[in-house]
C-alpha atoms as a PDB file:
ATOM      1  CA  MET A   1       0.000   0.000   0.000  1.00  0.00           C
ATOM      2  CA  ASN A   2       1.222   3.511  -0.854  1.00  0.00           C
ATOM      3  CA  ILE A   3      -0.028   5.322   2.234  1.00  0.00           C
ATOM      4  CA  ALA A   4       1.222   8.712   1.064  1.00  0.00           C
ATOM      5  CA  GLN A   5      -0.864   8.409  -2.098  1.00  0.00           C
ATOM      6  CA  LEU A   6      -3.873   7.271  -0.075  1.00  0.00           C
ATOM      7  CA  ALA A   7      -3.572  10.285   2.218  1.00  0.00           C
ATOM      8  CA  GLU A   8      -3.383  12.602  -0.787  1.00  0.00           C
ATOM      9  CA  GLN A   9      -6.528  11.026  -2.236  1.00  0.00           C
ATOM     10  CA  ILE A  10      -8.365  11.565   1.055  1.00  0.00           C
ATOM     11  CA  VAL A  11      -7.340  15.217   1.142  1.00  0.00           C
ATOM     12  CA  VAL A  12      -8.964  15.806  -2.261  1.00  0.00           C
ATOM     13  CA  GLY A  13     -12.215  14.168  -1.177  1.00  0.00           C
ATOM     14  CA  GLU A  14     -11.959  10.456  -1.883  1.00  0.00           C
ATOM     15  CA  SER A  15     -13.126   7.941   0.738  1.00  0.00           C
ATOM     16  CA  VAL A  16     -10.956   5.125   1.993  1.00  0.00           C
ATOM     17  CA  THR A  17     -12.189   1.698   0.859  1.00  0.00           C
ATOM     18  CA  GLN A  18     -12.765  -1.369   3.016  1.00  0.00           C
ATOM     19  CA  ASP A  19      -9.654  -3.083   1.599  1.00  0.00           C
ATOM     20  CA  GLU A  20      -7.568  -0.004   2.296  1.00  0.00           C
ATOM     21  CA  ILE A  21      -8.878   0.153   5.861  1.00  0.00           C
ATOM     22  CA  SER A  22      -7.856  -3.470   6.383  1.00  0.00           C
ATOM     23  CA  CYS A  23      -4.338  -2.586   5.270  1.00  0.00           C
ATOM     24  CA  LEU A  24      -4.225   0.329   7.728  1.00  0.00           C
ATOM     25  CA  VAL A  25      -5.070  -2.090  10.525  1.00  0.00           C
ATOM     26  CA  SER A  26      -2.582  -4.828   9.791  1.00  0.00           C
ATOM     27  CA  GLU A  27       0.029  -3.805   7.228  1.00  0.00           C
ATOM     28  CA  VAL A  28       1.001  -0.152   7.651  1.00  0.00           C
ATOM     29  CA  ASP A  29       3.715   0.772  10.153  1.00  0.00           C
ATOM     30  CA  LEU A  30       2.150   2.680  13.070  1.00  0.00           C
ATOM     31  CA  TYR A  31       4.511   5.640  12.841  1.00  0.00           C
ATOM     32  CA  ASP A  32       3.946   6.011   9.106  1.00  0.00           C
ATOM     33  CA  LEU A  33       0.212   5.788   9.773  1.00  0.00           C
ATOM     34  CA  MET A  34       0.344   8.502  12.420  1.00  0.00           C
ATOM     35  CA  TYR A  35       2.467  10.742  10.214  1.00  0.00           C
ATOM     36  CA  TRP A  36      -0.090  10.727   7.413  1.00  0.00           C
ATOM     37  CA  ALA A  37      -3.060  10.900   9.783  1.00  0.00           C
ATOM     38  CA  HIS A  38      -1.449  14.030  11.200  1.00  0.00           C
ATOM     39  CA  LYS A  39      -1.079  15.471   7.702  1.00  0.00           C
ATOM     40  CA  ILE A  40      -4.773  14.816   7.015  1.00  0.00           C
ATOM     41  CA  LYS A  41      -5.723  16.459  10.295  1.00  0.00           C
ATOM     42  CA  LEU A  42      -3.625  19.523   9.519  1.00  0.00           C
ATOM     43  CA  HIS A  43      -5.319  19.882   6.136  1.00  0.00           C
ATOM     44  CA  PHE A  44      -8.857  19.784   7.536  1.00  0.00           C
ATOM     45  CA  LYS A  45      -8.411  21.116  11.079  1.00  0.00           C
ATOM     46  CA  GLY A  46      -5.144  23.010  11.158  1.00  0.00           C
ATOM     47  CA  ASN A  47      -3.141  23.269  14.365  1.00  0.00           C
ATOM     48  CA  VAL A  48      -6.116  24.098  16.579  1.00  0.00           C
ATOM     49  CA  VAL A  49      -7.317  21.993  19.508  1.00  0.00           C
ATOM     50  CA  SER A  50     -10.896  22.008  20.805  1.00  0.00           C
ATOM     51  CA  LEU A  51     -11.463  21.291  24.500  1.00  0.00           C
ATOM     52  CA  CYS A  52     -14.751  20.225  26.049  1.00  0.00           C
ATOM     53  CA  SER A  53     -15.875  20.034  29.670  1.00  0.00           C
ATOM     54  CA  VAL A  54     -18.896  18.130  31.009  1.00  0.00           C
ATOM     55  CA  PHE A  55     -21.382  18.835  33.780  1.00  0.00           C
ATOM     56  CA  ASN A  56     -22.824  15.634  35.228  1.00  0.00           C
ATOM     57  CA  ALA A  57     -26.262  17.099  35.873  1.00  0.00           C
ATOM     58  CA  LYS A  58     -27.932  13.834  36.913  1.00  0.00           C
ATOM     59  CA  SER A  59     -25.937  10.871  38.195  1.00  0.00           C
ATOM     60  CA  GLY A  60     -26.727   7.180  38.618  1.00  0.00           C
ATOM     61  CA  ALA A  61     -29.989   5.214  38.843  1.00  0.00           C
ATOM     62  CA  CYS A  62     -29.792   4.290  35.150  1.00  0.00           C
ATOM     63  CA  LYS A  63     -32.020   1.365  34.186  1.00  0.00           C
ATOM     64  CA  GLU A  64     -29.840   0.389  31.224  1.00  0.00           C
ATOM     65  CA  ASP A  65     -27.341  -2.445  31.709  1.00  0.00           C
ATOM     66  CA  CYS A  66     -24.305  -1.253  29.716  1.00  0.00           C
ATOM     67  CA  LYS A  67     -21.506  -3.469  31.000  1.00  0.00           C
ATOM     68  CA  PHE A  68     -18.898  -0.713  31.213  1.00  0.00           C
ATOM     69  CA  CYS A  69     -20.978   1.902  33.024  1.00  0.00           C
ATOM     70  CA  ALA A  70     -20.776   2.655  36.736  1.00  0.00           C
ATOM     71  CA  GLN A  71     -24.152   4.433  36.703  1.00  0.00           C
ATOM     72  CA  SER A  72     -26.249   1.339  35.931  1.00  0.00           C
ATOM     73  CA  VAL A  73     -28.534   0.020  38.676  1.00  0.00           C
ATOM     74  CA  HIS A  74     -27.616  -3.465  37.469  1.00  0.00           C
ATOM     75  CA  HIS A  75     -24.057  -3.108  38.820  1.00  0.00           C
ATOM     76  CA  ASN A  76     -22.674  -2.789  42.326  1.00  0.00           C
ATOM     77  CA  VAL A  77     -20.542   0.349  42.154  1.00  0.00           C
ATOM     78  CA  SER A  78     -19.914   2.895  44.883  1.00  0.00           C
ATOM     79  CA  PHE A  79     -19.994   6.489  43.583  1.00  0.00           C
ATOM     80  CA  GLU A  80     -21.883   9.736  44.123  1.00  0.00           C
ATOM     81  CA  GLN A  81     -25.467   9.510  42.859  1.00  0.00           C
ATOM     82  CA  TYR A  82     -27.980  12.347  42.795  1.00  0.00           C
ATOM     83  CA  PRO A  83     -31.121  13.563  41.012  1.00  0.00           C
ATOM     84  CA  LEU A  84     -31.093  16.525  38.657  1.00  0.00           C
ATOM     85  CA  LYS A  85     -28.952  19.382  39.946  1.00  0.00           C
ATOM     86  CA  ASN A  86     -30.149  22.974  40.038  1.00  0.00           C
ATOM     87  CA  GLY A  87     -29.411  26.119  38.073  1.00  0.00           C
ATOM     88  CA  SER A  88     -26.869  27.584  40.479  1.00  0.00           C
ATOM     89  CA  GLU A  89     -24.860  24.346  40.347  1.00  0.00           C
ATOM     90  CA  SER A  90     -24.872  24.405  36.559  1.00  0.00           C
ATOM     91  CA  LEU A  91     -23.676  28.017  36.488  1.00  0.00           C
ATOM     92  CA  ASN A  92     -20.845  27.194  38.889  1.00  0.00           C
ATOM     93  CA  ALA A  93     -19.864  24.252  36.692  1.00  0.00           C
ATOM     94  CA  CYS A  94     -19.928  26.523  33.642  1.00  0.00           C
ATOM     95  CA  LYS A  95     -17.601  28.987  35.374  1.00  0.00           C
ATOM     96  CA  ASP A  96     -15.244  26.138  36.237  1.00  0.00           C
ATOM     97  CA  ALA A  97     -15.302  24.973  32.608  1.00  0.00           C
ATOM     98  CA  GLU A  98     -14.498  28.453  31.356  1.00  0.00           C
ATOM     99  CA  HIS A  99     -11.681  28.801  33.884  1.00  0.00           C
ATOM    100  CA  SER A 100     -10.255  25.449  32.763  1.00  0.00           C
ATOM    101  CA  GLY A 101      -9.996  26.804  29.222  1.00  0.00           C
ATOM    102  CA  ALA A 102     -12.743  24.703  27.627  1.00  0.00           C
ATOM    103  CA  ASN A 103     -14.374  25.707  24.333  1.00  0.00           C
ATOM    104  CA  ARG A 104     -17.476  23.605  24.932  1.00  0.00           C
ATOM    105  CA  PHE A 105     -19.629  22.948  27.982  1.00  0.00           C
ATOM    106  CA  GLY A 106     -21.820  19.861  27.932  1.00  0.00           C
ATOM    107  CA  PHE A 107     -24.886  19.041  30.053  1.00  0.00           C
ATOM    108  CA  VAL A 108     -24.957  15.281  30.693  1.00  0.00           C
ATOM    109  CA  THR A 109     -27.675  13.211  32.376  1.00  0.00           C
ATOM    110  CA  SER A 110     -27.796   9.519  33.210  1.00  0.00           C
ATOM    111  CA  GLY A 111     -30.546   7.202  31.988  1.00  0.00           C
ATOM    112  CA  GLY A 112     -32.174   6.353  28.702  1.00  0.00           C
ATOM    113  CA  ALA A 113     -34.470   9.395  28.468  1.00  0.00           C
ATOM    114  CA  LEU A 114     -35.401  12.307  30.716  1.00  0.00           C
ATOM    115  CA  THR A 115     -38.830  12.837  32.208  1.00  0.00           C
ATOM    116  CA  ASP A 116     -40.705  15.831  30.808  1.00  0.00           C
ATOM    117  CA  ARG A 117     -40.108  17.681  34.073  1.00  0.00           C
ATOM    118  CA  ASP A 118     -36.350  17.074  34.095  1.00  0.00           C
ATOM    119  CA  PHE A 119     -36.094  18.003  30.428  1.00  0.00           C
ATOM    120  CA  GLU A 120     -37.772  21.348  31.077  1.00  0.00           C
ATOM    121  CA  GLU A 121     -35.433  22.005  34.004  1.00  0.00           C
ATOM    122  CA  ILE A 122     -32.405  21.249  31.843  1.00  0.00           C
ATOM    123  CA  CYS A 123     -33.710  23.676  29.213  1.00  0.00           C
ATOM    124  CA  LYS A 124     -33.930  26.393  31.868  1.00  0.00           C
ATOM    125  CA  MET A 125     -30.306  25.733  32.857  1.00  0.00           C
ATOM    126  CA  ILE A 126     -29.198  25.841  29.233  1.00  0.00           C
ATOM    127  CA  LYS A 127     -31.010  29.100  28.610  1.00  0.00           C
ATOM    128  CA  ALA A 128     -29.301  30.657  31.650  1.00  0.00           C
ATOM    129  CA  THR A 129     -25.822  29.566  30.513  1.00  0.00           C
ATOM    130  CA  PRO A 130     -23.608  32.428  29.220  1.00  0.00           C
ATOM    131  CA  GLN A 131     -23.314  31.128  25.679  1.00  0.00           C
ATOM    132  CA  GLU A 132     -21.224  34.012  24.400  1.00  0.00           C
ATOM    133  CA  ARG A 133     -18.209  32.426  26.129  1.00  0.00           C
ATOM    134  CA  LEU A 134     -18.780  28.710  25.586  1.00  0.00           C
ATOM    135  CA  ASP A 135     -20.581  26.575  23.031  1.00  0.00           C
ATOM    136  CA  VAL A 136     -23.269  24.616  24.868  1.00  0.00           C
ATOM    137  CA  CYS A 137     -23.741  20.917  24.177  1.00  0.00           C
ATOM    138  CA  ALA A 138     -26.170  18.356  25.565  1.00  0.00           C
ATOM    139  CA  SER A 139     -26.014  14.617  26.202  1.00  0.00           C
ATOM    140  CA  LEU A 140     -29.490  13.702  27.441  1.00  0.00           C
ATOM    141  CA  GLY A 141     -30.023  10.138  26.248  1.00  0.00           C
ATOM    142  CA  ILE A 142     -32.804   9.238  23.816  1.00  0.00           C
ATOM    143  CA  LEU A 143     -34.408  12.357  22.318  1.00  0.00           C
ATOM    144  CA  THR A 144     -37.591  13.056  20.406  1.00  0.00           C
ATOM    145  CA  LYS A 145     -37.903  15.463  17.485  1.00  0.00           C
ATOM    146  CA  ILE A 146     -39.760  17.983  19.676  1.00  0.00           C
ATOM    147  CA  GLN A 147     -37.104  17.841  22.383  1.00  0.00           C
ATOM    148  CA  THR A 148     -34.314  18.255  19.844  1.00  0.00           C
ATOM    149  CA  LEU A 149     -35.915  21.341  18.334  1.00  0.00           C
ATOM    150  CA  LYS A 150     -36.382  22.740  21.836  1.00  0.00           C
ATOM    151  CA  LEU A 151     -32.674  22.290  22.546  1.00  0.00           C
ATOM    152  CA  LYS A 152     -31.860  24.057  19.298  1.00  0.00           C
ATOM    153  CA  GLU A 153     -34.131  26.927  20.319  1.00  0.00           C
ATOM    154  CA  MET A 154     -32.309  27.164  23.663  1.00  0.00           C
ATOM    155  CA  GLY A 155     -29.001  27.623  21.860  1.00  0.00           C
ATOM    156  CA  VAL A 156     -27.494  24.146  22.047  1.00  0.00           C
ATOM    157  CA  LYS A 157     -24.880  23.882  19.303  1.00  0.00           C
ATOM    158  CA  ARG A 158     -24.150  20.174  19.427  1.00  0.00           C
ATOM    159  CA  VAL A 159     -25.918  17.085  20.773  1.00  0.00           C
ATOM    160  CA  HIS A 160     -23.867  14.159  22.036  1.00  0.00           C
ATOM    161  CA  HIS A 161     -25.141  10.584  21.729  1.00  0.00           C
ATOM    162  CA  ASN A 162     -22.670   7.713  21.441  1.00  0.00           C
ATOM    163  CA  LEU A 163     -23.343   4.482  19.586  1.00  0.00           C
ATOM    164  CA  GLU A 164     -20.730   2.930  21.940  1.00  0.00           C
ATOM    165  CA  THR A 165     -19.605   0.106  19.630  1.00  0.00           C
ATOM    166  CA  SER A 166     -20.496  -1.693  16.410  1.00  0.00           C
ATOM    167  CA  ARG A 167     -23.990  -2.956  15.675  1.00  0.00           C
ATOM    168  CA  SER A 168     -22.560  -6.498  15.673  1.00  0.00           C
ATOM    169  CA  PHE A 169     -20.963  -6.224  19.117  1.00  0.00           C
ATOM    170  CA  PHE A 170     -23.599  -4.063  20.824  1.00  0.00           C
ATOM    171  CA  PRO A 171     -25.790  -6.965  22.102  1.00  0.00           C
ATOM    172  CA  ARG A 172     -22.797  -8.196  24.121  1.00  0.00           C
ATOM    173  CA  ILE A 173     -22.571  -4.810  25.843  1.00  0.00           C
ATOM    174  CA  CYS A 174     -26.200  -3.812  26.405  1.00  0.00           C
ATOM    175  CA  SER A 175     -29.469  -5.785  26.420  1.00  0.00           C
ATOM    176  CA  THR A 176     -31.989  -3.202  27.672  1.00  0.00           C
ATOM    177  CA  HIS A 177     -32.339  -1.278  24.411  1.00  0.00           C
ATOM    178  CA  ASP A 178     -31.371  -1.884  20.817  1.00  0.00           C
ATOM    179  CA  TYR A 179     -28.929  -0.237  18.450  1.00  0.00           C
ATOM    180  CA  ASP A 180     -31.559   1.311  16.217  1.00  0.00           C
ATOM    181  CA  GLN A 181     -32.815   3.459  19.111  1.00  0.00           C
ATOM    182  CA  ARG A 182     -29.393   5.031  19.385  1.00  0.00           C
ATOM    183  CA  VAL A 183     -29.073   5.501  15.628  1.00  0.00           C
ATOM    184  CA  GLU A 184     -32.502   7.125  15.421  1.00  0.00           C
ATOM    185  CA  THR A 185     -31.541   9.796  17.955  1.00  0.00           C
ATOM    186  CA  VAL A 186     -28.502  10.627  15.797  1.00  0.00           C
ATOM    187  CA  ARG A 187     -30.720  10.945  12.739  1.00  0.00           C
ATOM    188  CA  ILE A 188     -33.251  13.118  14.586  1.00  0.00           C
ATOM    189  CA  VAL A 189     -30.478  15.534  15.552  1.00  0.00           C
ATOM    190  CA  LYS A 190     -29.139  15.653  11.996  1.00  0.00           C
ATOM    191  CA  ARG A 191     -32.605  16.285  10.555  1.00  0.00           C
ATOM    192  CA  ALA A 192     -33.028  19.164  12.999  1.00  0.00           C
ATOM    193  CA  GLY A 193     -29.977  20.828  11.449  1.00  0.00           C
ATOM    194  CA  MET A 194     -27.833  20.502  14.568  1.00  0.00           C
ATOM    195  CA  GLU A 195     -24.334  19.149  14.970  1.00  0.00           C
ATOM    196  CA  ILE A 196     -24.053  15.619  16.336  1.00  0.00           C
ATOM    197  CA  CYS A 197     -21.208  14.347  18.497  1.00  0.00           C
ATOM    198  CA  CYS A 198     -21.215  10.564  18.267  1.00  0.00           C
ATOM    199  CA  GLY A 199     -18.530   7.981  18.928  1.00  0.00           C
ATOM    200  CA  GLY A 200     -17.846   5.009  21.118  1.00  0.00           C
ATOM    201  CA  ILE A 201     -15.758   3.262  23.720  1.00  0.00           C
ATOM    202  CA  PHE A 202     -12.919   0.836  23.028  1.00  0.00           C
ATOM    203  CA  GLY A 203     -11.370  -1.901  25.097  1.00  0.00           C
ATOM    204  CA  LEU A 204     -14.656  -3.733  25.747  1.00  0.00           C
ATOM    205  CA  GLY A 205     -13.431  -6.931  24.109  1.00  0.00           C
ATOM    206  CA  GLU A 206     -14.410  -5.820  20.610  1.00  0.00           C
ATOM    207  CA  SER A 207     -12.435  -6.879  17.535  1.00  0.00           C
ATOM    208  CA  TRP A 208     -10.774  -4.666  14.953  1.00  0.00           C
ATOM    209  CA  GLU A 209     -13.675  -5.552  12.668  1.00  0.00           C
ATOM    210  CA  ASP A 210     -16.040  -4.049  15.261  1.00  0.00           C
ATOM    211  CA  ARG A 211     -13.962  -0.882  15.488  1.00  0.00           C
ATOM    212  CA  ILE A 212     -13.983  -0.441  11.733  1.00  0.00           C
ATOM    213  CA  GLU A 213     -17.696  -1.242  11.502  1.00  0.00           C
ATOM    214  CA  LEU A 214     -18.422   1.527  14.000  1.00  0.00           C
ATOM    215  CA  ALA A 215     -16.247   4.001  12.101  1.00  0.00           C
ATOM    216  CA  VAL A 216     -18.019   3.265   8.822  1.00  0.00           C
ATOM    217  CA  ILE A 217     -21.438   3.653  10.474  1.00  0.00           C
ATOM    218  CA  LEU A 218     -20.387   7.019  11.889  1.00  0.00           C
ATOM    219  CA  ARG A 219     -19.095   8.103   8.482  1.00  0.00           C
ATOM    220  CA  ASP A 220     -22.339   7.066   6.808  1.00  0.00           C
ATOM    221  CA  LEU A 221     -24.351   8.976   9.425  1.00  0.00           C
ATOM    222  CA  GLN A 222     -22.191  12.042   8.647  1.00  0.00           C
ATOM    223  CA  VAL A 223     -21.512  12.827  12.292  1.00  0.00           C
ATOM    224  CA  ASP A 224     -19.738  16.108  12.979  1.00  0.00           C
ATOM    225  CA  ALA A 225     -17.631  15.062  15.958  1.00  0.00           C
ATOM    226  CA  VAL A 226     -16.316  11.689  17.125  1.00  0.00           C
ATOM    227  CA  PRO A 227     -15.453  11.252  20.813  1.00  0.00           C
ATOM    228  CA  LEU A 228     -13.176   8.257  21.302  1.00  0.00           C
ATOM    229  CA  ASN A 229     -13.293   6.760  24.800  1.00  0.00           C
ATOM    230  CA  PHE A 230     -11.097   3.987  26.152  1.00  0.00           C
ATOM    231  CA  LEU A 231     -12.300   1.717  28.917  1.00  0.00           C
ATOM    232  CA  ASN A 232     -11.293   2.716  32.423  1.00  0.00           C
ATOM    233  CA  PRO A 233     -12.388  -0.507  34.182  1.00  0.00           C
ATOM    234  CA  ILE A 234     -14.668   0.232  37.134  1.00  0.00           C
ATOM    235  CA  LYS A 235     -14.789  -2.272  39.971  1.00  0.00           C
ATOM    236  CA  GLY A 236     -18.314  -3.644  40.328  1.00  0.00           C
ATOM    237  CA  THR A 237     -19.137  -3.555  36.614  1.00  0.00           C
ATOM    238  CA  PRO A 238     -18.972  -6.716  34.456  1.00  0.00           C
ATOM    239  CA  LEU A 239     -15.889  -5.287  32.738  1.00  0.00           C
ATOM    240  CA  GLY A 240     -14.209  -4.215  35.967  1.00  0.00           C
ATOM    241  CA  GLY A 241     -11.377  -6.724  35.590  1.00  0.00           C
ATOM    242  CA  THR A 242     -10.559  -5.900  31.973  1.00  0.00           C
ATOM    243  CA  SER A 243      -6.951  -5.005  31.145  1.00  0.00           C
ATOM    244  CA  PRO A 244      -6.445  -1.511  29.666  1.00  0.00           C
ATOM    245  CA  LEU A 245      -5.577  -1.177  25.983  1.00  0.00           C
ATOM    246  CA  HIS A 246      -1.936  -0.660  25.053  1.00  0.00           C
ATOM    247  CA  PRO A 247      -1.129   2.973  24.171  1.00  0.00           C
ATOM    248  CA  LEU A 248       0.140   2.049  20.702  1.00  0.00           C
ATOM    249  CA  GLU A 249      -3.099   0.239  19.910  1.00  0.00           C
ATOM    250  CA  ILE A 250      -5.029   3.353  20.916  1.00  0.00           C
ATOM    251  CA  LEU A 251      -2.884   5.525  18.657  1.00  0.00           C
ATOM    252  CA  ARG A 252      -3.610   3.213  15.726  1.00  0.00           C
ATOM    253  CA  ILE A 253      -7.349   3.491  16.421  1.00  0.00           C
ATOM    254  CA  ILE A 254      -7.137   7.293  16.418  1.00  0.00           C
ATOM    255  CA  SER A 255      -5.156   7.388  13.177  1.00  0.00           C
ATOM    256  CA  ILE A 256      -7.468   5.002  11.350  1.00  0.00           C
ATOM    257  CA  TYR A 257     -10.511   7.008  12.438  1.00  0.00           C
ATOM    258  CA  ARG A 258      -8.860  10.121  10.989  1.00  0.00           C
ATOM    259  CA  PHE A 259      -8.380   8.318   7.664  1.00  0.00           C
ATOM    260  CA  ILE A 260     -12.018   7.178   7.641  1.00  0.00           C
ATOM    261  CA  MET A 261     -13.485  10.522   8.791  1.00  0.00           C
ATOM    262  CA  PRO A 262     -10.950  13.111   7.677  1.00  0.00           C
ATOM    263  CA  SER A 263     -13.031  16.257   8.241  1.00  0.00           C
ATOM    264  CA  ALA A 264     -14.740  15.315  11.529  1.00  0.00           C
ATOM    265  CA  ASP A 265     -13.650  16.606  14.912  1.00  0.00           C
ATOM    266  CA  ILE A 266     -11.963  13.681  16.668  1.00  0.00           C
ATOM    267  CA  SER A 267     -11.726  14.135  20.408  1.00  0.00           C
ATOM    268  CA  ILE A 268     -10.071  11.863  22.972  1.00  0.00           C
ATOM    269  CA  CYS A 269     -12.199  11.581  26.082  1.00  0.00           C
ATOM    270  CA  GLY A 270     -12.759   9.036  28.859  1.00  0.00           C
ATOM    271  CA  GLY A 271      -9.896   6.746  29.805  1.00  0.00           C
ATOM    272  CA  ARG A 272      -7.206   8.954  28.283  1.00  0.00           C
ATOM    273  CA  GLU A 273      -5.083   9.194  31.421  1.00  0.00           C
ATOM    274  CA  LYS A 274      -5.531   5.563  32.478  1.00  0.00           C
ATOM    275  CA  ASN A 275      -4.728   4.028  29.086  1.00  0.00           C
ATOM    276  CA  LEU A 276      -2.247   6.383  27.449  1.00  0.00           C
ATOM    277  CA  ARG A 277      -0.282   7.417  30.520  1.00  0.00           C
ATOM    278  CA  ASP A 278       2.898   9.248  29.389  1.00  0.00           C
ATOM    279  CA  MET A 279       1.846   9.048  25.723  1.00  0.00           C
ATOM    280  CA  GLN A 280      -1.158  11.362  26.010  1.00  0.00           C
ATOM    281  CA  SER A 281       0.405  14.092  23.892  1.00  0.00           C
ATOM    282  CA  TRP A 282       0.728  11.643  20.990  1.00  0.00           C
ATOM    283  CA  ILE A 283      -3.037  11.798  20.381  1.00  0.00           C
ATOM    284  CA  PHE A 284      -2.569  15.044  18.464  1.00  0.00           C
ATOM    285  CA  TYR A 285       0.156  13.574  16.276  1.00  0.00           C
ATOM    286  CA  ALA A 286      -2.044  10.514  15.627  1.00  0.00           C
ATOM    287  CA  GLY A 287      -4.859  12.634  14.182  1.00  0.00           C
ATOM    288  CA  ALA A 288      -6.998  13.905  17.065  1.00  0.00           C
ATOM    289  CA  ASN A 289      -7.891  17.588  17.224  1.00  0.00           C
ATOM    290  CA  GLY A 290      -9.690  17.658  20.548  1.00  0.00           C
ATOM    291  CA  ALA A 291      -9.849  16.331  24.092  1.00  0.00           C
ATOM    292  CA  MET A 292     -12.024  16.426  27.172  1.00  0.00           C
ATOM    293  CA  ILE A 293     -10.583  18.558  29.939  1.00  0.00           C
ATOM    294  CA  GLY A 294     -11.242  18.222  33.662  1.00  0.00           C
ATOM    295  CA  ASN A 295     -13.180  15.397  35.298  1.00  0.00           C
ATOM    296  CA  TYR A 296     -15.423  12.832  33.627  1.00  0.00           C
ATOM    297  CA  LEU A 297     -18.817  11.579  34.800  1.00  0.00           C
ATOM    298  CA  THR A 298     -17.809   9.211  37.618  1.00  0.00           C
ATOM    299  CA  THR A 299     -14.008   9.241  37.341  1.00  0.00           C
ATOM    300  CA  GLN A 300     -11.362  11.903  37.829  1.00  0.00           C
ATOM    301  CA  GLY A 301      -9.384  13.542  35.070  1.00  0.00           C
ATOM    302  CA  ARG A 302      -6.144  15.390  35.608  1.00  0.00           C
ATOM    303  CA  PRO A 303      -5.596  19.083  36.453  1.00  0.00           C
ATOM    304  CA  PRO A 304      -6.452  21.322  33.477  1.00  0.00           C
ATOM    305  CA  ALA A 305      -3.097  23.060  33.839  1.00  0.00           C
ATOM    306  CA  ASP A 306      -1.382  19.784  32.915  1.00  0.00           C
ATOM    307  CA  ASP A 307      -3.381  19.570  29.687  1.00  0.00           C
ATOM    308  CA  TRP A 308      -2.666  23.185  28.832  1.00  0.00           C
ATOM    309  CA  GLN A 309       1.030  22.553  29.403  1.00  0.00           C
ATOM    310  CA  MET A 310       0.806  19.592  27.038  1.00  0.00           C
ATOM    311  CA  ILE A 311      -0.982  21.698  24.407  1.00  0.00           C
ATOM    312  CA  SER A 312       1.597  24.468  24.732  1.00  0.00           C
ATOM    313  CA  ASP A 313       4.511  22.030  24.548  1.00  0.00           C
ATOM    314  CA  CYS A 314       3.045  20.522  21.361  1.00  0.00           C
ATOM    315  CA  GLY A 315       2.901  23.947  19.719  1.00  0.00           C
ATOM    316  CA  LEU A 316      -0.886  23.794  19.380  1.00  0.00           C
ATOM    317  CA  THR A 317      -3.432  26.563  19.767  1.00  0.00           C
ATOM    318  CA  CYS A 318      -6.960  26.651  21.154  1.00  0.00           C
ATOM    319  CA  GLY A 319      -9.959  28.978  21.112  1.00  0.00           C
ATOM    320  CA  SER A 320      -9.350  29.645  24.801  1.00  0.00           C
ATOM    321  CA  SER A 321      -6.373  31.686  25.913  1.00  0.00           C
ATOM    322  CA  LEU A 322      -3.542  30.125  27.862  1.00  0.00           C
ATOM    323  CA  ASP A 323      -3.721  32.826  30.526  1.00  0.00           C
ATOM    324  CA  LYS A 324      -6.966  31.266  31.820  1.00  0.00           C
ATOM    325  CA  VAL A 325      -5.010  28.397  33.337  1.00  0.00           C
ATOM    326  CA  SER A 326      -1.677  28.582  35.047  1.00  0.00           C
ATOM    327  CA  VAL A 327       0.920  26.636  33.055  1.00  0.00           C
END
């Protein structure tokens, strides 16, 4: 395979074929792959990094049985659970996100779908958020067309809703809802004319075929942003004893996703610190142009100043100024 020629074809608008993807998985040297993934990223995204921060507005008591998730009632996990938080808490979280240097601030709730009452309360919080400083996003589970249009009216720029894994592997991860429900929410958001942030989590026991199947589905759905998460095994979940992925395997995943979705935002989120360790800065060379900053939903991240130091050391820029965080 001539990977340089393939990268040049992608830059001018051609899509990578299934045979070419297979070669990227098994035949191309990782460092050559990252080099050209980086070139593709520079063409479509430049040298700019996007940082997102999440507000866990409603935690735990989820009736779904996703095997990796601490918030499921089906698992025995000790963590802070609470009903929907209030407006003052969301504003404080927004201030923290802005201080951390984030570009995006996402409202996240546990569970498959919100009650009408909780949805209305979330809309009030969103409306009160100072959107001139941060782009507001929402991750609220299964959405209807009416709810999606309401979020758009409130100023939400991007809706997040992961597919988690491939259609083939999904039944081994979750049995309480089916894949088409997740796909339909993505399509509802797209039809509403909003941006969709949709990706998955790796290290669940899936194969490379599953990883590629997910990437192709995301490409076909024309998602705008792809969050890549890597399992941080939580004690008490069915996957609590799973070994973390090797950093080099993660970098190959990132690079291949850049080849398959060259113009999408690719952001590295949950499990970054646990899995990549000292190789976290390599995500940007492998093709990513974004990351989650601060804490996650039920696990801790690292101090934002450490991420800003990494961004500065890599010679990257961001929509937020470096003087917001001490580096």
